[in-house]
PDB file of N, CA and C in Angstrom:
ATOM      1  N   GLY A   1     146.371  98.475  59.830  1.00  0.00           N
ATOM      2  CA  GLY A   1     147.767  98.753  59.683  1.00  0.00           C
ATOM      3  C   GLY A   1     148.340  99.338  60.963  1.00  0.00           C
ATOM      4  N   ILE A   2     149.627  99.400  60.988  1.00  0.00           N
ATOM      5  CA  ILE A   2     150.349  99.947  62.132  1.00  0.00           C
ATOM      6  C   ILE A   2     151.569 100.694  61.605  1.00  0.00           C
ATOM      7  N   GLN A   3     151.847 101.825  62.222  1.00  0.00           N
ATOM      8  CA  GLN A   3     153.041 102.583  61.849  1.00  0.00           C
ATOM      9  C   GLN A   3     153.585 103.287  63.091  1.00  0.00           C
ATOM     10  N   PHE A   4     154.873 103.214  63.264  1.00  0.00           N
ATOM     11  CA  PHE A   4     155.543 103.931  64.341  1.00  0.00           C
ATOM     12  C   PHE A   4     157.024 103.975  64.031  1.00  0.00           C
ATOM     13  N   HIS A   5     157.713 104.860  64.698  1.00  0.00           N
ATOM     14  CA  HIS A   5     159.154 104.978  64.520  1.00  0.00           C
ATOM     15  C   HIS A   5     159.800 105.071  65.893  1.00  0.00           C
ATOM     16  N   ILE A   6     160.607 104.090  66.215  1.00  0.00           N
ATOM     17  CA  ILE A   6     161.342 104.116  67.471  1.00  0.00           C
ATOM     18  C   ILE A   6     162.829 104.393  67.218  1.00  0.00           C
ATOM     19  N   GLU A   7     163.264 104.167  65.973  1.00  0.00           N
ATOM     20  CA  GLU A   7     164.675 104.372  65.648  1.00  0.00           C
ATOM     21  C   GLU A   7     164.997 105.871  65.679  1.00  0.00           C
ATOM     22  N   ILE A   8     166.254 106.182  65.914  1.00  0.00           N
ATOM     23  CA  ILE A   8     166.677 107.578  65.981  1.00  0.00           C
ATOM     24  C   ILE A   8     168.074 107.710  65.382  1.00  0.00           C
ATOM     25  N   LYS A   9     168.297 108.820  64.720  1.00  0.00           N
ATOM     26  CA  LYS A   9     169.606 109.151  64.162  1.00  0.00           C
ATOM     27  C   LYS A   9     170.127 110.386  64.882  1.00  0.00           C
ATOM     28  N   ASP A  10     171.390 110.696  64.699  1.00  0.00           N
ATOM     29  CA  ASP A  10     171.950 111.856  65.393  1.00  0.00           C
ATOM     30  C   ASP A  10     171.372 113.179  64.893  1.00  0.00           C
ATOM     31  N   THR A  11     170.638 113.156  63.775  1.00  0.00           N
ATOM     32  CA  THR A  11     170.032 114.377  63.241  1.00  0.00           C
ATOM     33  C   THR A  11     168.518 114.442  63.448  1.00  0.00           C
ATOM     34  N   THR A  12     167.934 113.427  64.048  1.00  0.00           N
ATOM     35  CA  THR A  12     166.483 113.358  64.171  1.00  0.00           C
ATOM     36  C   THR A  12     165.898 114.573  64.893  1.00  0.00           C
ATOM     37  N   VAL A  13     166.381 114.863  66.073  1.00  0.00           N
ATOM     38  CA  VAL A  13     165.809 115.946  66.869  1.00  0.00           C
ATOM     39  C   VAL A  13     166.054 117.302  66.210  1.00  0.00           C
ATOM     40  N   SER A  14     167.244 117.513  65.689  1.00  0.00           N
ATOM     41  CA  SER A  14     167.515 118.806  65.057  1.00  0.00           C
ATOM     42  C   SER A  14     166.640 119.014  63.827  1.00  0.00           C
ATOM     43  N   LYS A  15     166.349 117.947  63.095  1.00  0.00           N
ATOM     44  CA  LYS A  15     165.448 118.072  61.946  1.00  0.00           C
ATOM     45  C   LYS A  15     164.027 118.375  62.405  1.00  0.00           C
ATOM     46  N   TRP A  16     163.589 117.745  63.478  1.00  0.00           N
ATOM     47  CA  TRP A  16     162.275 118.073  64.036  1.00  0.00           C
ATOM     48  C   TRP A  16     162.227 119.544  64.445  1.00  0.00           C
ATOM     49  N   GLY A  17     163.326 120.028  64.991  1.00  0.00           N
ATOM     50  CA  GLY A  17     163.393 121.403  65.468  1.00  0.00           C
ATOM     51  C   GLY A  17     163.267 122.438  64.374  1.00  0.00           C
ATOM     52  N   CYS A  18     163.450 122.030  63.135  1.00  0.00           N
ATOM     53  CA  CYS A  18     163.271 122.954  62.004  1.00  0.00           C
ATOM     54  C   CYS A  18     161.801 123.257  61.760  1.00  0.00           C
ATOM     55  N   VAL A  19     160.917 122.453  62.330  1.00  0.00           N
ATOM     56  CA  VAL A  19     159.475 122.685  62.211  1.00  0.00           C
ATOM     57  C   VAL A  19     159.058 123.528  63.415  1.00  0.00           C
ATOM     58  N   PRO A  20     158.706 124.792  63.183  1.00  0.00           N
ATOM     59  CA  PRO A  20     158.411 125.700  64.305  1.00  0.00           C
ATOM     60  C   PRO A  20     157.362 125.157  65.274  1.00  0.00           C
ATOM     61  N   GLU A  21     156.349 124.466  64.767  1.00  0.00           N
ATOM     62  CA  GLU A  21     155.303 123.936  65.651  1.00  0.00           C
ATOM     63  C   GLU A  21     155.858 122.892  66.612  1.00  0.00           C
ATOM     64  N   TYR A  22     156.780 122.051  66.137  1.00  0.00           N
ATOM     65  CA  TYR A  22     157.394 121.053  67.023  1.00  0.00           C
ATOM     66  C   TYR A  22     158.248 121.724  68.088  1.00  0.00           C
ATOM     67  N   LYS A  23     159.072 122.666  67.653  1.00  0.00           N
ATOM     68  CA  LYS A  23     159.949 123.372  68.595  1.00  0.00           C
ATOM     69  C   LYS A  23     159.120 124.119  69.639  1.00  0.00           C
ATOM     70  N   ASN A  24     158.100 124.818  69.193  1.00  0.00           N
ATOM     71  CA  ASN A  24     157.261 125.583  70.119  1.00  0.00           C
ATOM     72  C   ASN A  24     156.512 124.673  71.090  1.00  0.00           C
ATOM     73  N   ALA A  25     155.989 123.561  70.602  1.00  0.00           N
ATOM     74  CA  ALA A  25     155.278 122.625  71.477  1.00  0.00           C
ATOM     75  C   ALA A  25     156.216 122.048  72.530  1.00  0.00           C
ATOM     76  N   LEU A  26     157.429 121.722  72.132  1.00  0.00           N
ATOM     77  CA  LEU A  26     158.410 121.189  73.072  1.00  0.00           C
ATOM     78  C   LEU A  26     158.741 122.218  74.143  1.00  0.00           C
ATOM     79  N   GLU A  27     158.962 123.464  73.735  1.00  0.00           N
ATOM     80  CA  GLU A  27     159.282 124.520  74.701  1.00  0.00           C
ATOM     81  C   GLU A  27     158.087 124.860  75.578  1.00  0.00           C
ATOM     82  N   ASP A  28     156.871 124.772  75.034  1.00  0.00           N
ATOM     83  CA  ASP A  28     155.680 124.994  75.853  1.00  0.00           C
ATOM     84  C   ASP A  28     155.590 123.980  76.975  1.00  0.00           C
ATOM     85  N   GLN A  29     155.984 122.748  76.692  1.00  0.00           N
ATOM     86  CA  GLN A  29     155.883 121.675  77.679  1.00  0.00           C
ATOM     87  C   GLN A  29     157.089 121.598  78.611  1.00  0.00           C
ATOM     88  N   LEU A  30     158.285 121.859  78.077  1.00  0.00           N
ATOM     89  CA  LEU A  30     159.513 121.614  78.848  1.00  0.00           C
ATOM     90  C   LEU A  30     160.343 122.866  79.129  1.00  0.00           C
ATOM     91  N   GLY A  31     159.914 124.009  78.629  1.00  0.00           N
ATOM     92  CA  GLY A  31     160.606 125.254  78.935  1.00  0.00           C
ATOM     93  C   GLY A  31     161.666 125.646  77.917  1.00  0.00           C
ATOM     94  N   GLU A  32     162.306 126.746  78.226  1.00  0.00           N
ATOM     95  CA  GLU A  32     163.325 127.317  77.349  1.00  0.00           C
ATOM     96  C   GLU A  32     164.474 126.340  77.113  1.00  0.00           C
ATOM     97  N   ASP A  33     165.014 126.358  75.923  1.00  0.00           N
ATOM     98  CA  ASP A  33     166.116 125.474  75.503  1.00  0.00           C
ATOM     99  C   ASP A  33     165.739 123.997  75.515  1.00  0.00           C
ATOM    100  N   ALA A  34     164.434 123.707  75.479  1.00  0.00           N
ATOM    101  CA  ALA A  34     163.981 122.316  75.527  1.00  0.00           C
ATOM    102  C   ALA A  34     164.507 121.519  74.339  1.00  0.00           C
ATOM    103  N   LEU A  35     164.544 122.133  73.171  1.00  0.00           N
ATOM    104  CA  LEU A  35     165.016 121.415  71.989  1.00  0.00           C
ATOM    105  C   LEU A  35     166.475 121.000  72.156  1.00  0.00           C
ATOM    106  N   LYS A  36     167.282 121.902  72.635  1.00  0.00           N
ATOM    107  CA  LYS A  36     168.703 121.612  72.844  1.00  0.00           C
ATOM    108  C   LYS A  36     168.885 120.492  73.882  1.00  0.00           C
ATOM    109  N   LYS A  37     168.130 120.568  74.965  1.00  0.00           N
ATOM    110  CA  LYS A  37     168.222 119.550  76.013  1.00  0.00           C
ATOM    111  C   LYS A  37     167.724 118.198  75.516  1.00  0.00           C
ATOM    112  N   PHE A  38     166.624 118.222  74.753  1.00  0.00           N
ATOM    113  CA  PHE A  38     166.075 116.987  74.206  1.00  0.00           C
ATOM    114  C   PHE A  38     167.044 116.358  73.215  1.00  0.00           C
ATOM    115  N   ASP A  39     167.675 117.188  72.394  1.00  0.00           N
ATOM    116  CA  ASP A  39     168.657 116.706  71.429  1.00  0.00           C
ATOM    117  C   ASP A  39     169.819 116.020  72.144  1.00  0.00           C
ATOM    118  N   GLN A  40     170.306 116.622  73.200  1.00  0.00           N
ATOM    119  CA  GLN A  40     171.420 116.028  73.940  1.00  0.00           C
ATOM    120  C   GLN A  40     171.001 114.723  74.612  1.00  0.00           C
ATOM    121  N   ALA A  41     169.804 114.709  75.191  1.00  0.00           N
ATOM    122  CA  ALA A  41     169.314 113.482  75.827  1.00  0.00           C
ATOM    123  C   ALA A  41     169.157 112.369  74.794  1.00  0.00           C
ATOM    124  N   ALA A  42     168.661 112.711  73.612  1.00  0.00           N
ATOM    125  CA  ALA A  42     168.516 111.714  72.544  1.00  0.00           C
ATOM    126  C   ALA A  42     169.870 111.157  72.139  1.00  0.00           C
ATOM    127  N   LYS A  43     170.845 112.035  71.984  1.00  0.00           N
ATOM    128  CA  LYS A  43     172.185 111.581  71.606  1.00  0.00           C
ATOM    129  C   LYS A  43     172.796 110.699  72.695  1.00  0.00           C
ATOM    130  N   ASN A  44     172.544 111.044  73.957  1.00  0.00           N
ATOM    131  CA  ASN A  44     173.075 110.258  75.074  1.00  0.00           C
ATOM    132  C   ASN A  44     172.470 108.856  75.128  1.00  0.00           C
ATOM    133  N   ASN A  45     171.242 108.728  74.631  1.00  0.00           N
ATOM    134  CA  ASN A  45     170.519 107.452  74.728  1.00  0.00           C
ATOM    135  C   ASN A  45     170.339 106.753  73.386  1.00  0.00           C
ATOM    136  N   MET A  46     170.962 107.269  72.345  1.00  0.00           N
ATOM    137  CA  MET A  46     170.765 106.757  70.998  1.00  0.00           C
ATOM    138  C   MET A  46     171.113 105.276  70.858  1.00  0.00           C
ATOM    139  N   LYS A  47     172.201 104.854  71.408  1.00  0.00           N
ATOM    140  CA  LYS A  47     172.609 103.452  71.277  1.00  0.00           C
ATOM    141  C   LYS A  47     171.547 102.528  71.869  1.00  0.00           C
ATOM    142  N   ASP A  48     171.060 102.851  73.058  1.00  0.00           N
ATOM    143  CA  ASP A  48     170.020 102.036  73.690  1.00  0.00           C
ATOM    144  C   ASP A  48     168.732 102.063  72.879  1.00  0.00           C
ATOM    145  N   MET A  49     168.311 103.250  72.436  1.00  0.00           N
ATOM    146  CA  MET A  49     167.073 103.366  71.667  1.00  0.00           C
ATOM    147  C   MET A  49     167.142 102.519  70.391  1.00  0.00           C
ATOM    148  N   ASN A  50     168.252 102.561  69.708  1.00  0.00           N
ATOM    149  CA  ASN A  50     168.377 101.784  68.480  1.00  0.00           C
ATOM    150  C   ASN A  50     168.433 100.286  68.755  1.00  0.00           C
ATOM    151  N   ASN A  51     169.028  99.900  69.862  1.00  0.00           N
ATOM    152  CA  ASN A  51     168.992  98.480  70.254  1.00  0.00           C
ATOM    153  C   ASN A  51     167.563  98.048  70.561  1.00  0.00           C
ATOM    154  N   TYR A  52     166.812  98.898  71.262  1.00  0.00           N
ATOM    155  CA  TYR A  52     165.416  98.591  71.570  1.00  0.00           C
ATOM    156  C   TYR A  52     164.584  98.490  70.295  1.00  0.00           C
ATOM    157  N   SER A  53     164.878  99.335  69.325  1.00  0.00           N
ATOM    158  CA  SER A  53     164.117  99.286  68.075  1.00  0.00           C
ATOM    159  C   SER A  53     164.362  97.963  67.349  1.00  0.00           C
ATOM    160  N   LYS A  54     165.583  97.458  67.399  1.00  0.00           N
ATOM    161  CA  LYS A  54     165.874  96.164  66.772  1.00  0.00           C
ATOM    162  C   LYS A  54     165.131  95.037  67.482  1.00  0.00           C
ATOM    163  N   ILE A  55     165.111  95.079  68.801  1.00  0.00           N
ATOM    164  CA  ILE A  55     164.395  94.059  69.581  1.00  0.00           C
ATOM    165  C   ILE A  55     162.909  94.109  69.258  1.00  0.00           C
ATOM    166  N   LEU A  56     162.342  95.309  69.243  1.00  0.00           N
ATOM    167  CA  LEU A  56     160.928  95.470  68.944  1.00  0.00           C
ATOM    168  C   LEU A  56     160.600  94.948  67.547  1.00  0.00           C
ATOM    169  N   TYR A  57     161.410  95.297  66.575  1.00  0.00           N
ATOM    170  CA  TYR A  57     161.178  94.852  65.206  1.00  0.00           C
ATOM    171  C   TYR A  57     161.277  93.330  65.094  1.00  0.00           C
ATOM    172  N   ASN A  58     162.305  92.758  65.686  1.00  0.00           N
ATOM    173  CA  ASN A  58     162.472  91.298  65.627  1.00  0.00           C
ATOM    174  C   ASN A  58     161.311  90.580  66.309  1.00  0.00           C
ATOM    175  N   ASN A  59     160.842  91.097  67.433  1.00  0.00           N
ATOM    176  CA  ASN A  59     159.700  90.491  68.116  1.00  0.00           C
ATOM    177  C   ASN A  59     158.432  90.642  67.288  1.00  0.00           C
ATOM    178  N   PHE A  60     158.256  91.775  66.651  1.00  0.00           N
ATOM    179  CA  PHE A  60     157.101  92.003  65.799  1.00  0.00           C
ATOM    180  C   PHE A  60     157.090  91.025  64.622  1.00  0.00           C
ATOM    181  N   LYS A  61     158.247  90.792  64.028  1.00  0.00           N
ATOM    182  CA  LYS A  61     158.337  89.847  62.902  1.00  0.00           C
ATOM    183  C   LYS A  61     157.905  88.447  63.313  1.00  0.00           C
ATOM    184  N   MET A  62     158.168  88.079  64.566  1.00  0.00           N
ATOM    185  CA  MET A  62     157.801  86.738  65.034  1.00  0.00           C
ATOM    186  C   MET A  62     156.294  86.559  65.127  1.00  0.00           C
ATOM    187  N   LEU A  63     155.531  87.644  65.165  1.00  0.00           N
ATOM    188  CA  LEU A  63     154.084  87.565  65.247  1.00  0.00           C
ATOM    189  C   LEU A  63     153.445  87.220  63.905  1.00  0.00           C
ATOM    190  N   LEU A  64     154.183  87.454  62.834  1.00  0.00           N
ATOM    191  CA  LEU A  64     153.617  87.270  61.492  1.00  0.00           C
ATOM    192  C   LEU A  64     153.565  85.831  61.067  1.00  0.00           C
TER     193      LEU A  64
END
Protein backbone atom coordinates (compact mmCIF):
# COMPACT_ATOMS: atom_id res chain seq x y z
CA GLY A 1 0.00 0.00 0.00
CA ILE A 2 0.88 3.64 -0.25
CA GLN A 3 -0.33 6.65 1.68
CA PHE A 4 0.65 10.30 1.57
CA HIS A 5 -0.93 13.71 1.69
CA ILE A 6 0.23 16.53 -0.53
CA GLU A 7 -3.00 18.54 -0.43
CA ILE A 8 -3.24 21.46 1.98
CA LYS A 9 -6.04 23.61 3.38
CA ASP A 10 -5.79 27.04 4.96
CA THR A 11 -6.15 25.38 8.40
CA THR A 12 -3.68 22.52 7.93
CA VAL A 13 -0.64 24.09 9.59
CA SER A 14 -2.57 25.68 12.44
CA LYS A 15 -4.20 22.33 13.22
CA TRP A 16 -0.78 20.66 13.23
CA GLY A 17 0.38 23.39 15.60
CA CYS A 18 -2.18 22.28 18.17
CA VAL A 19 -0.06 19.16 18.68
CA PRO A 20 2.75 20.29 21.01
CA GLU A 21 5.22 17.72 19.63
CA TYR A 22 4.78 19.04 16.08
CA LYS A 23 5.13 22.66 17.15
CA ASN A 24 8.18 21.91 19.28
CA ALA A 25 9.87 19.86 16.55
CA LEU A 26 9.30 22.64 14.03
CA GLU A 27 10.76 25.26 16.38
CA ASP A 28 13.70 22.98 17.23
CA GLN A 29 14.56 22.80 13.54
CA LEU A 30 13.61 26.29 12.31
CA GLY A 31 13.71 28.51 15.40
CA GLU A 32 11.30 30.75 17.22
CA ASP A 33 7.99 31.57 15.51
CA ALA A 34 8.60 28.72 13.06
CA LEU A 35 4.96 27.66 13.15
CA LYS A 36 3.76 31.14 12.25
CA LYS A 37 6.31 31.45 9.43
CA PHE A 38 5.50 27.97 8.12
CA ASP A 39 1.78 28.75 8.20
CA GLN A 40 2.30 31.90 6.16
CA ALA A 41 4.56 30.13 3.67
CA ALA A 42 1.95 27.38 3.27
CA LYS A 43 -0.79 29.92 2.65
CA ASN A 44 1.41 31.74 0.12
CA ASN A 45 2.00 28.50 -1.79
CA MET A 46 -1.35 26.79 -1.28
CA LYS A 47 -2.65 27.27 -4.82
CA ASP A 48 0.49 25.72 -6.34
CA MET A 49 0.58 22.86 -3.82
CA ASN A 50 -3.03 21.95 -4.53
CA ASN A 51 -2.43 22.09 -8.28
CA TYR A 52 0.57 19.78 -7.83
CA SER A 53 -1.54 17.39 -5.78
CA LYS A 54 -4.07 17.15 -8.61
CA ILE A 55 -1.30 16.46 -11.14
CA LEU A 56 0.23 13.82 -8.88
CA TYR A 57 -3.12 12.13 -8.29
CA ASN A 58 -4.05 12.13 -11.99
CA ASN A 59 -0.65 10.69 -12.93
CA PHE A 60 -0.95 8.04 -10.22
CA LYS A 61 -4.38 7.00 -11.54
CA MET A 62 -2.84 6.42 -14.98
CA LEU A 63 -0.57 3.76 -13.48
CA LEU A 64 -3.50 1.58 -12.43
